[in-house]
Amino acid sequence: MFAVLLLLCLSATVKDSSSLNLNFGANNVIEIFAVTNNDIANNTIVTDDDPPPHNQAARMARYITHTSNWGAMATVAVREPIVGFPFANIFSLSDGPVDQSSGTPYMYISPWEVSAHDLRQNNQTSITMSLAQGNYCSKMNYDPEDPRCAHIILTGTFVKLTRESEEGQFAKKSLFSRHPIMPEWPEDHGWFFAKLDIKNILVLDFFGGAVTVPLEEYFNAEPK
């Protein structure tokens, strides 16, 4: 009975192209974002490994970046009635295939997406990812706000990639291998690959406050 009600509710949200607006930018909510249990199982890194020790902040940052399949990206809103306010949105991410971490978060985004409008005017952004997105914190009975349930904040600039470039092809491999539903998203939505060009890294993984990780140290660290 619940499944039938859910299907009816979801069906009611489907709109044709005449109802497009800047707050979403999709013809069909279901065809873009609906996933099956199989999709979720395929795009999640399953690991029994605990994260690195809290005194190895660079490794912790790389570990969280690599094991996170999504993150919250903050932009500065350009639309009424919240022009100038911070605006956070969820995006699927990947820094590389399961066995090939790069440390750089890649995204697959439509120009219709609400945050894309913000980024066209100001491409400065931050992305937050947390161990709470996996099983570790619940296993340890850590609240997501507990410093031991480590999280990172990567700040930098949003950069659109040329699909045919070497990095564009790596972004495609990185995202499509971790999010196998992506190739099925509507072709007419102008999807493109992008990355966060990291300028600053903050890690909070223990009591005493967040620490800044130098970029060179971050990119030289092993995520495992």
Protein backbone atom coordinates (compact mmCIF):
# COMPACT_ATOMS: atom_id res chain seq x y z
CA MET A 1 0.00 0.00 0.00
CA PHE A 2 2.84 2.37 0.90
CA ALA A 3 4.58 1.64 -2.40
CA VAL A 4 1.41 2.51 -4.33
CA LEU A 5 0.99 5.81 -2.44
CA LEU A 6 4.64 6.66 -3.00
CA LEU A 7 4.33 5.96 -6.72
CA LEU A 8 1.27 8.19 -6.94
CA CYS A 9 3.05 11.00 -5.09
CA LEU A 10 6.11 10.76 -7.31
CA SER A 11 4.02 10.63 -10.46
CA ALA A 12 2.33 13.86 -9.41
CA THR A 13 5.72 15.64 -9.45
CA VAL A 14 6.47 14.87 -13.10
CA LYS A 15 6.16 17.98 -15.24
CA ASP A 16 6.61 18.70 -18.92
CA SER A 17 9.11 21.21 -20.32
CA SER A 18 6.59 24.05 -20.13
CA SER A 19 6.85 23.99 -16.34
CA LEU A 20 10.63 24.41 -16.19
CA ASN A 21 11.91 26.97 -13.73
CA LEU A 22 15.29 28.08 -12.41
CA ASN A 23 14.71 26.27 -9.15
CA PHE A 24 15.13 22.92 -10.81
CA GLY A 25 15.72 22.82 -14.52
CA ALA A 26 14.59 19.32 -15.38
CA ASN A 27 11.86 17.95 -17.60
CA ASN A 28 11.29 14.92 -15.47
CA VAL A 29 12.28 14.60 -11.82
CA ILE A 30 11.91 10.85 -11.86
CA GLU A 31 14.00 10.05 -14.93
CA ILE A 32 16.94 12.08 -13.59
CA PHE A 33 17.05 11.20 -9.94
CA ALA A 34 15.20 7.92 -9.44
CA VAL A 35 17.53 5.08 -8.49
CA THR A 36 17.14 1.44 -7.71
CA ASN A 37 18.70 -0.50 -4.90
CA ASN A 38 21.13 -1.89 -7.45
CA ASP A 39 22.21 1.62 -8.47
CA ILE A 40 22.94 2.53 -4.86
CA ALA A 41 24.90 -0.64 -4.27
CA ASN A 42 26.99 -0.08 -7.39
CA ASN A 43 28.01 3.51 -6.68
CA THR A 44 29.00 3.11 -3.04
CA ILE A 45 32.51 2.25 -2.01
CA VAL A 46 32.21 -0.59 0.46
CA THR A 47 35.20 -0.72 2.77
CA ASP A 48 35.83 -2.28 6.13
CA ASP A 49 38.86 -0.04 6.66
CA ASP A 50 38.71 2.56 9.40
CA PRO A 51 39.81 6.09 8.47
CA PRO A 52 43.41 7.21 9.10
CA PRO A 53 44.45 8.37 12.59
CA HIS A 54 43.25 11.84 13.53
CA ASN A 55 46.82 13.17 13.71
CA GLN A 56 47.29 12.50 9.99
CA ALA A 57 45.07 15.28 8.70
CA ALA A 58 46.21 15.16 5.07
CA ARG A 59 45.49 11.44 4.82
CA MET A 60 42.15 11.95 6.55
CA ALA A 61 41.20 14.63 4.02
CA ARG A 62 42.15 12.42 1.08
CA TYR A 63 40.31 9.46 2.62
CA ILE A 64 37.09 11.43 3.05
CA THR A 65 37.32 12.93 -0.44
CA HIS A 66 37.84 9.55 -2.03
CA THR A 67 35.22 7.61 -0.08
CA SER A 68 32.50 10.24 -0.45
CA ASN A 69 30.06 9.78 -3.31
CA TRP A 70 28.38 13.12 -2.66
CA GLY A 71 28.89 16.39 -0.88
CA ALA A 72 27.22 19.71 -0.02
CA MET A 73 28.39 22.57 -2.21
CA ALA A 74 27.91 26.17 -1.07
CA THR A 75 27.50 29.07 -3.49
CA VAL A 76 26.38 32.70 -3.27
CA ALA A 77 22.78 32.94 -4.46
CA VAL A 78 21.95 35.19 -7.42
CA ARG A 79 18.19 34.78 -7.51
CA GLU A 80 15.43 36.57 -5.68
CA PRO A 81 14.51 36.67 -2.87
CA ILE A 82 17.85 35.42 -1.48
CA VAL A 83 20.40 37.33 -3.58
CA GLY A 84 23.72 37.40 -1.73
CA PHE A 85 22.80 34.68 0.76
CA PRO A 86 24.84 31.49 1.08
CA PHE A 87 23.11 28.56 -0.63
CA ALA A 88 24.01 24.89 -0.12
CA ASN A 89 23.10 22.10 -2.51
CA ILE A 90 23.85 18.38 -2.83
CA PHE A 91 25.97 17.03 -5.70
CA SER A 92 27.26 13.62 -6.64
CA LEU A 93 31.05 13.60 -6.57
CA SER A 94 34.04 11.44 -7.42
CA ASP A 95 37.77 12.05 -7.21
CA GLY A 96 38.48 8.97 -9.29
CA PRO A 97 37.55 5.33 -9.75
CA VAL A 98 37.61 3.17 -6.62
CA ASP A 99 41.26 2.24 -7.17
CA GLN A 100 42.49 5.59 -8.53
CA SER A 101 42.12 8.55 -6.18
CA SER A 102 43.16 11.96 -7.52
CA GLY A 103 42.11 14.16 -4.60
CA THR A 104 40.19 16.47 -6.95
CA PRO A 105 36.38 16.36 -6.66
CA TYR A 106 34.68 16.05 -10.06
CA MET A 107 31.02 16.80 -10.80
CA TYR A 108 28.50 16.21 -13.60
CA ILE A 109 26.10 19.13 -13.72
CA SER A 110 23.45 20.67 -15.94
CA PRO A 111 23.55 24.42 -16.70
CA TRP A 112 19.87 24.42 -15.70
CA GLU A 113 20.74 23.37 -12.16
CA VAL A 114 20.02 26.10 -9.62
CA SER A 115 23.61 26.29 -8.32
CA ALA A 116 24.95 26.57 -11.86
CA HIS A 117 23.30 29.98 -12.13
CA ASP A 118 25.17 31.09 -9.01
CA LEU A 119 28.47 29.71 -10.28
CA ARG A 120 28.21 31.52 -13.60
CA GLN A 121 28.38 34.82 -11.74
CA ASN A 122 30.73 33.77 -8.95
CA ASN A 123 32.66 30.53 -9.31
CA GLN A 124 34.05 30.61 -5.77
CA THR A 125 32.62 27.72 -3.77
CA SER A 126 33.15 25.29 -0.90
CA ILE A 127 32.34 21.59 -0.67
CA THR A 128 31.79 19.74 2.60
CA MET A 129 32.10 15.96 3.00
CA SER A 130 31.92 13.88 6.16
CA LEU A 131 32.61 10.42 7.54
CA ALA A 132 28.95 10.52 8.58
CA GLN A 133 28.11 9.70 4.95
CA GLY A 134 29.47 6.18 5.51
CA ASN A 135 29.13 3.61 8.28
CA TYR A 136 32.07 4.55 10.49
CA CYS A 137 30.42 7.19 12.68
CA SER A 138 27.30 5.16 13.33
CA LYS A 139 29.49 2.15 14.12
CA MET A 140 31.41 4.24 16.66
CA ASN A 141 28.21 5.90 17.95
CA TYR A 142 29.51 9.33 16.95
CA ASP A 143 27.03 12.09 16.24
CA PRO A 144 27.71 13.79 12.87
CA GLU A 145 28.70 16.95 14.78
CA ASP A 146 31.17 15.07 16.97
CA PRO A 147 34.69 16.14 15.87
CA ARG A 148 35.73 12.48 15.81
CA CYS A 149 33.19 11.99 13.04
CA ALA A 150 35.61 13.83 10.78
CA HIS A 151 34.57 16.23 8.07
CA ILE A 152 36.42 18.39 5.59
CA ILE A 153 35.72 21.68 3.84
CA LEU A 154 37.37 22.16 0.46
CA THR A 155 37.30 25.74 -0.82
CA GLY A 156 38.23 26.81 -4.31
CA THR A 157 36.89 27.67 -7.74
CA PHE A 158 34.42 25.77 -9.88
CA VAL A 159 35.97 24.97 -13.26
CA LYS A 160 34.11 23.61 -16.27
CA LEU A 161 36.08 20.92 -18.14
CA THR A 162 36.29 20.31 -21.86
CA ARG A 163 34.72 16.90 -22.35
CA GLU A 164 37.31 15.79 -24.93
CA SER A 165 40.32 16.85 -22.83
CA GLU A 166 42.41 14.35 -20.91
CA GLU A 167 41.05 15.62 -17.60
CA GLY A 168 37.51 15.71 -18.98
CA GLN A 169 37.81 12.04 -19.91
CA PHE A 170 39.20 11.22 -16.46
CA ALA A 171 36.27 13.05 -14.87
CA LYS A 172 33.88 11.00 -17.00
CA LYS A 173 35.56 7.74 -16.00
CA SER A 174 35.62 8.82 -12.34
CA LEU A 175 31.95 9.77 -12.16
CA PHE A 176 30.38 7.16 -14.41
CA SER A 177 32.21 4.31 -12.64
CA ARG A 178 30.97 5.46 -9.25
CA HIS A 179 27.52 6.69 -10.36
CA PRO A 180 26.40 4.26 -13.08
CA ILE A 181 22.99 5.92 -13.48
CA MET A 182 24.56 9.12 -14.84
CA PRO A 183 24.88 8.05 -18.50
CA GLU A 184 21.10 7.54 -18.53
CA TRP A 185 20.29 11.13 -17.56
CA PRO A 186 18.48 13.10 -20.32
CA GLU A 187 20.85 14.05 -23.13
CA ASP A 188 19.11 17.37 -23.81
CA HIS A 189 19.99 18.86 -20.43
CA GLY A 190 23.46 20.03 -21.43
CA TRP A 191 25.35 18.02 -18.81
CA PHE A 192 29.02 18.89 -18.46
CA PHE A 193 31.95 17.80 -16.34
CA ALA A 194 33.51 20.16 -13.82
CA LYS A 195 35.94 20.13 -10.93
CA LEU A 196 36.77 22.02 -7.78
CA ASP A 197 40.16 23.70 -8.18
CA ILE A 198 41.10 23.49 -4.51
CA LYS A 199 42.63 26.54 -2.84
CA ASN A 200 42.16 25.72 0.85
CA ILE A 201 41.53 22.58 2.91
CA LEU A 202 40.09 22.47 6.43
CA VAL A 203 39.91 19.24 8.42
CA LEU A 204 38.06 18.72 11.68
CA ASP A 205 38.76 15.19 12.91
CA PHE A 206 39.35 15.57 16.66
CA PHE A 207 38.87 17.89 19.62
CA GLY A 208 40.78 21.17 19.58
CA GLY A 209 39.54 22.78 16.38
CA ALA A 210 39.96 22.46 12.64
CA VAL A 211 43.37 22.44 10.99
CA THR A 212 44.44 23.72 7.58
CA VAL A 213 46.16 21.15 5.38
CA PRO A 214 48.71 22.48 2.84
CA LEU A 215 47.76 21.62 -0.74
CA GLU A 216 51.05 19.87 -1.50
CA GLU A 217 50.71 17.70 1.59
CA TYR A 218 47.13 16.85 0.66
CA PHE A 219 47.89 15.80 -2.91
CA ASN A 220 50.94 13.78 -1.82
CA ALA A 221 48.99 11.86 0.84
CA GLU A 222 47.69 8.34 0.36
CA PRO A 223 43.94 8.13 0.98
CA LYS A 224 44.12 4.66 2.60
